[in-house]
Amino acid sequence: MATLKLPLADGTLVPYTVRAATPWPAAAARPAFNRVAYAAAHVVADPLARANPWLDAALDWDATLAYRRHLFSLGLGVAEAMDTAQRGMGLDWPTSLTLIERSVDAATGIPGATIASGVGTDHLDPAKARSVDDVIASYEQQCAAVERAGGRIILMASRALARVARSPDDYARVYGAILGQAREPVILHWLGDMFDPALAGYWGHRDLDRASDVCLDVIRANTAKVDGIKVSLLDDAREIAMRRRLPDGVRMYTGDDFNFATLIAGDERGHSDALLGIFDAIAPAASAALAALAQGDRARFDAILAPTVPLSRRIFESPTRFYKTGIVLMAYLNGHQSHFTMVGGQQGARSLVHLADVFRLADAAGLLADPERAAARMRVITALHGL
């Protein structure tokens, strides 16, 4: 097996030999899942586009859509144009809408393919928002565009709303207005400030207990229009407590990339479904684990996902908003794209030590599809860092 030198946290270089590849089951061998599972999918930048990487979102559409088909083939749904796709960190609304339209088209004709798409207010400059009416109008514009495309809505948190809201009542007003117009039940998304500092104090409170109360009140007032809520606070106890207070029929979609395995497995009092960025990076393992869970094999589920949790925690470590770098690194190592280049130049958001740790943890979890290729590509990255 291939050996390469990788740095440790103290700056020393040590040889590392990759393991043999893990043979994951073929798609045809997997039963239907007993959890709803969406992978929030990344986008593939076009490194040859004549654009300013920090300012312009230029995508390799073929590679981007091919990755969605890969996720569909594993039985996973796609959560489109979310923060994993660098929404708000390089991916603008016009490009997001094109991405949504093309992804919806790509899902057409694929048996069982499901897709839900992020709707926000990111075309509205938060500094120019003057009132909640501006926020409502912005949400309405994006909702209408996604529904015209045939997409299902994930209602993302709004930086503009966080800026202009003066009380929890403003949140209730905005969400009530938008949910009341939705054609079908939507998924709400509460993204914590560890993912986006501009969302601090969402729901009108910095105290998360009080914020949870406001969020639950909004859901209870609009239950018929809420399929579920994705909570991304990286706090499993809080997610469980909130899940147990949801109205009947409203799902909890875990967005906890630190504790997803136990939250999805659940207990006699319930479980979380999944809408996770880490599922992009660990898709073959996630698919195999969910299939085992559907067959009642909890031990197999745990055995598959246990080694992916340290990988996820490393990818999503603080500053958490830079987790996309690790997600795209995994796609590059596994041959889903020919380069390690990201929208906004975000491939430079993590250190070489961090990237080396992700490589080792991915190998330990059996997530390097072709270890020899992955090692060769990792050598390119270390060479670019002067090694």
Protein backbone atom coordinates (compact mmCIF):
# COMPACT_ATOMS: atom_id res chain seq x y z
CA MET A 1 0.00 0.00 0.00
CA ALA A 2 1.06 3.60 -0.60
CA THR A 3 3.07 5.49 1.99
CA LEU A 4 3.40 9.27 2.22
CA LYS A 5 4.69 11.79 4.74
CA LEU A 6 2.11 13.82 6.62
CA PRO A 7 2.53 16.53 9.25
CA LEU A 8 1.48 16.27 12.89
CA ALA A 9 0.29 19.11 15.09
CA ASP A 10 3.85 19.71 16.37
CA GLY A 11 5.11 20.26 12.83
CA THR A 12 6.96 16.98 12.48
CA LEU A 13 6.57 14.83 9.39
CA VAL A 14 5.84 11.13 9.84
CA PRO A 15 5.29 8.35 7.29
CA TYR A 16 1.74 7.13 6.90
CA THR A 17 0.68 4.01 5.03
CA VAL A 18 -2.90 3.81 3.79
CA ARG A 19 -5.07 0.78 4.47
CA ALA A 20 -6.81 -1.46 1.99
CA ALA A 21 -10.09 -0.15 0.59
CA THR A 22 -13.36 -1.04 2.34
CA PRO A 23 -15.84 -2.79 -0.01
CA TRP A 24 -19.19 -1.10 0.61
CA PRO A 25 -22.36 -2.95 -0.53
CA ALA A 26 -23.71 -2.26 -4.01
CA ALA A 27 -26.79 -0.05 -4.21
CA ALA A 28 -29.01 -2.92 -5.32
CA ALA A 29 -28.19 -4.80 -2.11
CA ARG A 30 -29.58 -2.10 0.18
CA PRO A 31 -33.13 -2.18 1.55
CA ALA A 32 -35.31 0.90 1.95
CA PHE A 33 -34.22 3.02 4.89
CA ASN A 34 -36.40 3.48 7.96
CA ARG A 35 -35.05 7.00 8.40
CA VAL A 36 -35.43 9.97 6.07
CA ALA A 37 -31.88 10.85 5.06
CA TYR A 38 -30.69 13.89 3.13
CA ALA A 39 -27.07 14.69 2.36
CA ALA A 40 -26.44 18.42 2.10
CA ALA A 41 -24.35 18.41 -1.07
CA HIS A 42 -21.26 20.45 -1.93
CA VAL A 43 -20.59 22.16 -5.24
CA VAL A 44 -17.61 21.65 -7.54
CA ALA A 45 -15.86 24.84 -8.61
CA ASP A 46 -14.62 25.35 -12.15
CA PRO A 47 -10.88 25.99 -11.77
CA LEU A 48 -10.53 27.03 -15.42
CA ALA A 49 -13.22 29.70 -15.37
CA ARG A 50 -12.07 33.19 -16.16
CA ALA A 51 -13.46 34.61 -12.94
CA ASN A 52 -12.31 36.14 -9.68
CA PRO A 53 -12.51 33.23 -7.21
CA TRP A 54 -13.17 35.45 -4.18
CA LEU A 55 -15.96 37.31 -5.96
CA ASP A 56 -17.54 35.04 -8.59
CA ALA A 57 -19.20 31.64 -8.24
CA ALA A 58 -18.08 29.58 -11.23
CA LEU A 59 -19.18 25.94 -11.08
CA ASP A 60 -18.24 22.80 -12.95
CA TRP A 61 -21.82 21.81 -13.65
CA ASP A 62 -21.08 18.32 -14.94
CA ALA A 63 -19.08 17.33 -11.85
CA THR A 64 -21.53 19.05 -9.50
CA LEU A 65 -24.55 17.21 -10.92
CA ALA A 66 -22.65 13.92 -11.18
CA TYR A 67 -22.08 14.05 -7.44
CA ARG A 68 -25.81 14.44 -6.84
CA ARG A 69 -26.45 11.36 -8.96
CA HIS A 70 -23.84 9.53 -6.87
CA LEU A 71 -25.76 10.43 -3.70
CA PHE A 72 -29.06 9.35 -5.24
CA SER A 73 -27.49 6.01 -6.21
CA LEU A 74 -26.73 5.38 -2.54
CA GLY A 75 -30.34 5.95 -1.54
CA LEU A 76 -29.68 9.38 -0.03
CA GLY A 77 -31.79 12.43 -0.72
CA VAL A 78 -30.09 15.70 -1.62
CA ALA A 79 -30.50 18.90 0.36
CA GLU A 80 -29.62 21.41 -2.32
CA ALA A 81 -28.11 24.89 -2.19
CA MET A 82 -27.56 24.78 1.56
CA ASP A 83 -24.57 26.01 3.55
CA THR A 84 -22.63 22.87 2.52
CA ALA A 85 -22.86 24.21 -1.04
CA GLN A 86 -21.22 27.39 0.31
CA ARG A 87 -24.48 29.28 0.34
CA GLY A 88 -23.59 32.59 1.98
CA MET A 89 -19.86 31.81 1.61
CA GLY A 90 -19.36 32.28 -2.13
CA LEU A 91 -22.49 30.82 -3.72
CA ASP A 92 -24.89 33.64 -4.58
CA TRP A 93 -28.65 33.40 -5.12
CA PRO A 94 -28.66 33.47 -8.96
CA THR A 95 -26.18 30.59 -9.08
CA SER A 96 -28.08 28.80 -6.31
CA LEU A 97 -31.30 28.98 -8.29
CA THR A 98 -29.60 27.57 -11.38
CA LEU A 99 -28.17 24.82 -9.20
CA ILE A 100 -31.63 24.02 -7.80
CA GLU A 101 -33.20 23.95 -11.26
CA ARG A 102 -30.50 21.67 -12.67
CA SER A 103 -30.57 19.36 -9.65
CA VAL A 104 -34.34 18.99 -9.80
CA ASP A 105 -33.97 18.08 -13.48
CA ALA A 106 -31.18 15.62 -12.64
CA ALA A 107 -33.42 13.86 -10.12
CA THR A 108 -36.17 13.37 -12.70
CA GLY A 109 -36.46 9.76 -13.75
CA ILE A 110 -34.23 8.40 -10.96
CA PRO A 111 -36.37 5.99 -8.90
CA GLY A 112 -36.66 7.15 -5.29
CA ALA A 113 -34.58 10.30 -5.80
CA THR A 114 -35.63 13.03 -3.39
CA ILE A 115 -34.46 16.61 -3.31
CA ALA A 116 -35.27 19.60 -1.12
CA SER A 117 -33.80 23.04 -1.75
CA GLY A 118 -32.66 25.90 0.39
CA VAL A 119 -34.72 29.09 0.37
CA GLY A 120 -33.37 32.16 2.11
CA THR A 121 -33.01 35.91 1.80
CA ASP A 122 -29.38 36.01 0.69
CA HIS A 123 -30.09 38.21 -2.35
CA LEU A 124 -31.07 40.90 0.17
CA ASP A 125 -28.08 42.71 1.66
CA PRO A 126 -28.71 42.50 5.44
CA ALA A 127 -27.37 46.04 5.81
CA LYS A 128 -30.06 47.29 3.42
CA ALA A 129 -32.97 45.47 5.06
CA ARG A 130 -35.16 48.02 6.80
CA SER A 131 -38.03 45.93 8.16
CA VAL A 132 -39.47 42.47 8.44
CA ASP A 133 -41.54 43.31 5.37
CA ASP A 134 -38.30 43.38 3.37
CA VAL A 135 -37.46 39.95 4.74
CA ILE A 136 -40.90 38.54 3.93
CA ALA A 137 -40.70 39.86 0.36
CA SER A 138 -37.25 38.30 -0.09
CA TYR A 139 -38.37 34.92 1.22
CA GLU A 140 -41.43 35.09 -1.03
CA GLN A 141 -39.28 35.73 -4.10
CA GLN A 142 -37.06 32.71 -3.48
CA CYS A 143 -39.95 30.45 -2.46
CA ALA A 144 -41.79 31.25 -5.68
CA ALA A 145 -38.69 30.55 -7.76
CA VAL A 146 -38.06 27.17 -6.12
CA GLU A 147 -41.69 26.12 -6.41
CA ARG A 148 -41.71 27.09 -10.10
CA ALA A 149 -38.71 24.83 -10.55
CA GLY A 150 -40.65 21.96 -9.01
CA GLY A 151 -38.58 21.98 -5.85
CA ARG A 152 -39.46 21.34 -2.25
CA ILE A 153 -38.52 24.05 0.25
CA ILE A 154 -36.04 24.05 3.10
CA LEU A 155 -36.61 27.40 4.80
CA MET A 156 -33.16 28.57 5.79
CA ALA A 157 -32.37 31.03 8.55
CA SER A 158 -32.05 34.65 7.41
CA ARG A 159 -29.17 36.97 8.24
CA ALA A 160 -31.41 39.89 7.32
CA LEU A 161 -34.11 38.75 9.75
CA ALA A 162 -31.56 38.33 12.52
CA ARG A 163 -30.51 41.94 11.89
CA VAL A 164 -33.91 43.67 11.66
CA ALA A 165 -36.04 41.64 14.08
CA ARG A 166 -36.80 43.49 17.29
CA SER A 167 -38.62 40.72 19.16
CA PRO A 168 -39.68 37.09 18.86
CA ASP A 169 -42.97 38.37 17.45
CA ASP A 170 -41.12 39.47 14.33
CA TYR A 171 -39.95 35.89 13.78
CA ALA A 172 -43.48 34.59 14.28
CA ARG A 173 -44.78 37.11 11.77
CA VAL A 174 -42.22 36.27 9.09
CA TYR A 175 -42.46 32.51 9.40
CA GLY A 176 -46.25 32.60 9.65
CA ALA A 177 -46.45 34.63 6.45
CA ILE A 178 -44.13 32.36 4.49
CA LEU A 179 -45.45 29.04 5.77
CA GLY A 180 -48.99 30.17 5.11
CA GLN A 181 -48.18 30.54 1.42
CA ALA A 182 -46.19 27.32 0.96
CA ARG A 183 -47.73 24.79 -1.43
CA GLU A 184 -46.56 21.83 0.64
CA PRO A 185 -44.98 21.30 4.06
CA VAL A 186 -41.45 22.68 4.34
CA ILE A 187 -38.38 21.84 6.38
CA LEU A 188 -37.26 24.61 8.71
CA HIS A 189 -33.55 25.09 9.33
CA TRP A 190 -32.16 26.54 12.53
CA LEU A 191 -28.47 27.12 11.86
CA GLY A 192 -26.43 27.97 14.93
CA ASP A 193 -23.96 30.82 15.12
CA MET A 194 -21.05 28.35 15.17
CA PHE A 195 -21.92 27.79 11.50
CA ASP A 196 -22.77 31.44 10.78
CA PRO A 197 -21.92 34.15 13.34
CA ALA A 198 -24.44 36.50 11.68
CA LEU A 199 -27.24 34.27 13.00
CA ALA A 200 -26.46 34.83 16.68
CA GLY A 201 -29.63 35.52 18.67
CA TYR A 202 -31.91 33.85 16.16
CA TRP A 203 -35.58 33.53 17.18
CA GLY A 204 -35.12 36.72 19.19
CA HIS A 205 -33.01 35.33 22.03
CA ARG A 206 -29.36 34.52 22.63
CA ASP A 207 -30.49 32.19 25.39
CA LEU A 208 -31.06 28.91 23.54
CA ASP A 209 -33.79 27.70 25.90
CA ARG A 210 -35.88 30.78 25.18
CA ALA A 211 -35.01 30.62 21.48
CA SER A 212 -36.19 26.99 21.38
CA ASP A 213 -39.50 28.01 22.94
CA VAL A 214 -40.06 30.63 20.22
CA CYS A 215 -39.16 28.17 17.48
CA LEU A 216 -41.54 25.55 18.87
CA ASP A 217 -44.31 28.13 19.14
CA VAL A 218 -43.83 28.94 15.44
CA ILE A 219 -44.02 25.25 14.55
CA ARG A 220 -47.13 24.67 16.66
CA ALA A 221 -48.86 27.63 15.02
CA ASN A 222 -48.10 26.26 11.53
CA THR A 223 -47.97 22.50 12.04
CA ALA A 224 -49.79 21.66 8.82
CA LYS A 225 -47.10 23.43 6.80
CA VAL A 226 -44.05 22.04 8.63
CA ASP A 227 -42.66 18.66 7.61
CA GLY A 228 -39.83 18.98 10.12
CA ILE A 229 -37.01 21.07 11.44
CA LYS A 230 -33.28 20.65 10.97
CA VAL A 231 -31.41 21.76 14.06
CA SER A 232 -27.70 22.57 13.65
CA LEU A 233 -26.56 23.53 17.14
CA LEU A 234 -24.06 20.69 17.80
CA ASP A 235 -25.82 19.95 21.09
CA ASP A 236 -27.38 16.50 21.25
CA ALA A 237 -29.14 17.00 24.59
CA ARG A 238 -30.84 20.15 23.30
CA GLU A 239 -31.89 18.41 20.10
CA ILE A 240 -33.40 15.49 22.00
CA ALA A 241 -35.26 17.80 24.36
CA MET A 242 -36.67 19.79 21.45
CA ARG A 243 -37.52 16.64 19.49
CA ARG A 244 -39.68 15.39 22.36
CA ARG A 245 -41.67 18.64 22.30
CA LEU A 246 -42.45 18.63 18.59
CA PRO A 247 -46.08 18.22 17.53
CA ASP A 248 -47.09 14.80 16.24
CA GLY A 249 -46.08 14.33 12.62
CA VAL A 250 -43.28 16.92 12.66
CA ARG A 251 -39.86 15.38 12.13
CA MET A 252 -36.61 16.29 13.79
CA TYR A 253 -33.84 16.30 11.17
CA THR A 254 -30.53 16.16 12.94
CA GLY A 255 -27.94 18.63 11.76
CA ASP A 256 -25.57 17.61 14.57
CA ASP A 257 -22.38 16.58 12.81
CA PHE A 258 -20.80 15.71 16.18
CA ASN A 259 -23.44 13.31 17.52
CA PHE A 260 -25.42 12.22 14.45
CA ALA A 261 -24.98 8.47 14.91
CA THR A 262 -26.69 8.18 18.30
CA LEU A 263 -29.34 10.76 17.38
CA ILE A 264 -30.33 8.86 14.23
CA ALA A 265 -30.36 5.51 16.03
CA GLY A 266 -32.50 6.98 18.79
CA ASP A 267 -34.13 5.06 21.63
CA GLU A 268 -37.54 3.93 22.80
CA ARG A 269 -38.62 7.57 23.06
CA GLY A 270 -37.85 8.46 19.48
CA HIS A 271 -35.15 9.23 16.92
CA SER A 272 -33.97 11.95 14.59
CA ASP A 273 -34.03 11.73 10.83
CA ALA A 274 -31.01 13.17 8.99
CA LEU A 275 -30.15 16.26 6.97
CA LEU A 276 -26.41 16.43 7.29
CA GLY A 277 -23.39 17.98 5.63
CA ILE A 278 -21.21 15.11 6.82
CA PHE A 279 -23.32 12.66 4.78
CA ASP A 280 -21.78 14.25 1.68
CA ALA A 281 -18.35 13.10 2.82
CA ILE A 282 -19.28 9.72 4.29
CA ALA A 283 -22.05 8.79 1.85
CA PRO A 284 -21.11 5.11 1.28
CA ALA A 285 -20.81 4.44 5.01
CA ALA A 286 -23.97 6.40 5.80
CA SER A 287 -25.92 4.41 3.22
CA ALA A 288 -24.64 1.06 4.48
CA ALA A 289 -25.32 2.00 8.11
CA LEU A 290 -28.87 3.16 7.38
CA ALA A 291 -29.52 -0.08 5.51
CA ALA A 292 -28.32 -2.07 8.52
CA LEU A 293 -30.55 -0.04 10.83
CA ALA A 294 -33.52 -0.71 8.55
CA GLN A 295 -32.84 -4.42 8.96
CA GLY A 296 -32.82 -4.07 12.74
CA ASP A 297 -29.05 -4.52 13.00
CA ARG A 298 -28.13 -1.77 15.45
CA ALA A 299 -24.73 -3.31 16.14
CA ARG A 300 -23.79 -3.13 12.46
CA PHE A 301 -25.09 0.44 12.25
CA ASP A 302 -22.92 1.44 15.21
CA ALA A 303 -19.86 -0.39 13.91
CA ILE A 304 -20.04 1.38 10.54
CA LEU A 305 -20.64 4.89 11.84
CA ALA A 306 -18.44 4.83 14.96
CA PRO A 307 -15.19 5.55 13.04
CA THR A 308 -16.87 8.26 10.97
CA VAL A 309 -17.68 10.34 14.06
CA PRO A 310 -14.04 11.36 14.82
CA LEU A 311 -13.69 12.28 11.13
CA SER A 312 -16.82 14.42 11.27
CA ARG A 313 -15.77 16.12 14.48
CA ARG A 314 -12.43 17.01 12.91
CA ILE A 315 -14.03 18.31 9.71
CA PHE A 316 -16.53 20.39 11.71
CA GLU A 317 -14.17 21.65 14.40
CA SER A 318 -14.12 25.35 15.25
CA PRO A 319 -14.28 27.61 13.27
CA THR A 320 -17.12 25.34 12.17
CA ARG A 321 -18.10 27.44 9.17
CA PHE A 322 -14.95 26.24 7.39
CA TYR A 323 -16.10 22.61 7.40
CA LYS A 324 -16.78 22.78 3.65
CA THR A 325 -13.02 22.52 3.05
CA GLY A 326 -12.94 19.03 4.53
CA ILE A 327 -16.04 18.01 2.60
CA VAL A 328 -14.50 19.03 -0.72
CA LEU A 329 -11.17 17.44 0.21
CA MET A 330 -12.99 14.12 0.59
CA ALA A 331 -14.60 14.50 -2.84
CA TYR A 332 -11.21 15.23 -4.38
CA LEU A 333 -9.48 12.32 -2.67
CA ASN A 334 -12.24 9.97 -3.83
CA GLY A 335 -12.16 11.02 -7.48
CA HIS A 336 -15.45 12.89 -7.63
CA GLN A 337 -13.62 15.97 -8.86
CA SER A 338 -10.26 16.42 -10.54
CA HIS A 339 -8.97 19.24 -8.34
CA PHE A 340 -8.99 20.67 -4.83
CA THR A 341 -10.35 24.12 -5.70
CA MET A 342 -13.38 25.72 -4.09
CA VAL A 343 -15.75 28.60 -4.67
CA GLY A 344 -14.36 31.64 -2.89
CA GLY A 345 -10.92 30.08 -2.60
CA GLN A 346 -12.10 28.24 0.51
CA GLN A 347 -9.66 25.39 -0.07
CA GLY A 348 -7.26 27.61 1.87
CA ALA A 349 -9.53 27.92 4.92
CA ARG A 350 -7.92 25.00 6.78
CA SER A 351 -4.30 24.23 7.63
CA LEU A 352 -2.26 21.41 6.12
CA VAL A 353 -2.20 19.75 9.55
CA HIS A 354 -6.00 19.76 9.55
CA LEU A 355 -6.15 18.31 6.03
CA ALA A 356 -3.67 15.60 7.00
CA ASP A 357 -5.80 14.67 10.00
CA VAL A 358 -8.88 14.43 7.78
CA PHE A 359 -6.95 12.14 5.42
CA ARG A 360 -5.87 9.79 8.22
CA LEU A 361 -9.32 9.70 9.82
CA ALA A 362 -10.99 9.07 6.46
CA ASP A 363 -8.65 6.14 5.90
CA ALA A 364 -9.40 4.77 9.37
CA ALA A 365 -13.13 4.93 8.59
CA GLY A 366 -12.70 3.06 5.31
CA LEU A 367 -13.75 6.08 3.31
CA LEU A 368 -10.92 6.25 0.76
CA ALA A 369 -12.46 4.45 -2.20
CA ASP A 370 -9.07 4.01 -3.90
CA PRO A 371 -6.33 4.45 -1.28
CA GLU A 372 -3.53 4.60 -3.87
CA ARG A 373 -5.25 7.42 -5.76
CA ALA A 374 -6.09 9.21 -2.52
CA ALA A 375 -2.45 9.03 -1.41
CA ALA A 376 -1.26 10.37 -4.77
CA ARG A 377 -3.68 13.28 -4.53
CA MET A 378 -2.72 14.01 -0.95
CA ARG A 379 0.92 14.18 -2.06
CA VAL A 380 -0.09 16.93 -4.52
CA ILE A 381 -1.58 18.91 -1.65
CA THR A 382 1.47 18.48 0.57
CA ALA A 383 3.73 19.47 -2.33
CA LEU A 384 1.73 22.67 -2.82
CA HIS A 385 2.44 23.41 0.85
CA GLY A 386 6.16 23.06 0.25
CA LEU A 387 6.74 19.47 1.39
